[in-house]
Amino acid sequence: MARSNTLVVQQAKAALDQMKYEVAQEIGVPLSPSGYNGNLLSRDAGSIGGTITKRLVQMAEQSLGGYKR
């Protein structure tokens, strides 16, 4: 199965971008407001993505009535 970064719900882009900047600020990773973050360490980018994934899973679990793995 090929991976894709296309959004299923296009309206979610703004919320995901907002979450990205909030998470980066919380963990102390400076993101450029211009959108270019080529100087970002892979470790920092992974921390941001991992934290976002964790939050999205928590949100999904809550919407499913607290279902836990």
Protein backbone atom coordinates (compact mmCIF):
# COMPACT_ATOMS: atom_id res chain seq x y z
CA MET A 1 0.00 0.00 0.00
CA ALA A 2 1.46 3.34 -1.03
CA ARG A 3 1.67 6.08 1.53
CA SER A 4 0.23 9.45 0.74
CA ASN A 5 0.10 12.80 2.47
CA THR A 6 -3.17 13.79 0.84
CA LEU A 7 -5.86 14.79 3.28
CA VAL A 8 -9.12 12.89 3.29
CA VAL A 9 -10.90 15.97 4.67
CA GLN A 10 -9.36 19.04 3.01
CA GLN A 11 -10.83 21.36 5.66
CA ALA A 12 -8.59 19.67 8.27
CA LYS A 13 -5.44 21.33 6.88
CA ALA A 14 -5.81 24.50 8.95
CA ALA A 15 -6.44 22.53 12.15
CA LEU A 16 -3.42 20.29 11.51
CA ASP A 17 -1.19 23.28 10.78
CA GLN A 18 -2.38 24.96 13.99
CA MET A 19 -1.67 21.76 15.94
CA LYS A 20 1.81 21.57 14.40
CA TYR A 21 2.73 25.06 15.60
CA GLU A 22 1.19 24.48 19.05
CA VAL A 23 3.10 21.21 19.53
CA ALA A 24 6.35 22.74 18.30
CA GLN A 25 5.99 25.61 20.74
CA GLU A 26 5.17 23.26 23.63
CA ILE A 27 8.24 21.10 23.06
CA GLY A 28 10.51 24.07 22.34
CA VAL A 29 11.16 23.57 18.63
CA PRO A 30 11.24 26.85 16.69
CA LEU A 31 9.30 26.69 13.42
CA SER A 32 9.63 29.34 10.75
CA PRO A 33 6.41 31.28 10.10
CA SER A 34 7.39 31.42 6.42
CA GLY A 35 6.83 27.68 6.17
CA TYR A 36 10.42 26.72 5.32
CA ASN A 37 11.91 24.49 8.00
CA GLY A 38 14.77 22.87 6.09
CA ASN A 39 17.15 23.61 8.95
CA LEU A 40 15.04 21.56 11.37
CA LEU A 41 16.74 18.50 12.84
CA SER A 42 15.17 15.16 11.94
CA ARG A 43 14.85 14.42 15.65
CA ASP A 44 12.85 17.61 16.21
CA ALA A 45 10.60 16.99 13.21
CA GLY A 46 10.00 13.45 14.47
CA SER A 47 9.13 14.74 17.93
CA ILE A 48 6.55 17.10 16.46
CA GLY A 49 5.03 14.41 14.23
CA GLY A 50 5.03 11.83 17.00
CA THR A 51 3.30 14.16 19.44
CA ILE A 52 0.69 15.09 16.82
CA THR A 53 0.05 11.41 16.10
CA LYS A 54 -0.33 10.67 19.81
CA ARG A 55 -2.86 13.49 20.20
CA LEU A 56 -4.84 12.45 17.12
CA VAL A 57 -5.03 8.87 18.44
CA GLN A 58 -6.22 10.15 21.82
CA MET A 59 -8.86 12.28 20.11
CA ALA A 60 -10.05 9.29 18.07
CA GLU A 61 -10.21 7.09 21.16
CA GLN A 62 -12.28 9.70 22.97
CA SER A 63 -14.67 10.00 20.05
CA LEU A 64 -15.06 6.20 20.05
CA GLY A 65 -16.17 6.27 23.64
CA GLY A 66 -12.85 5.68 25.34
CA TYR A 67 -11.87 2.59 23.36
CA LYS A 68 -8.32 1.58 24.32
CA ARG A 69 -5.93 -0.68 22.46
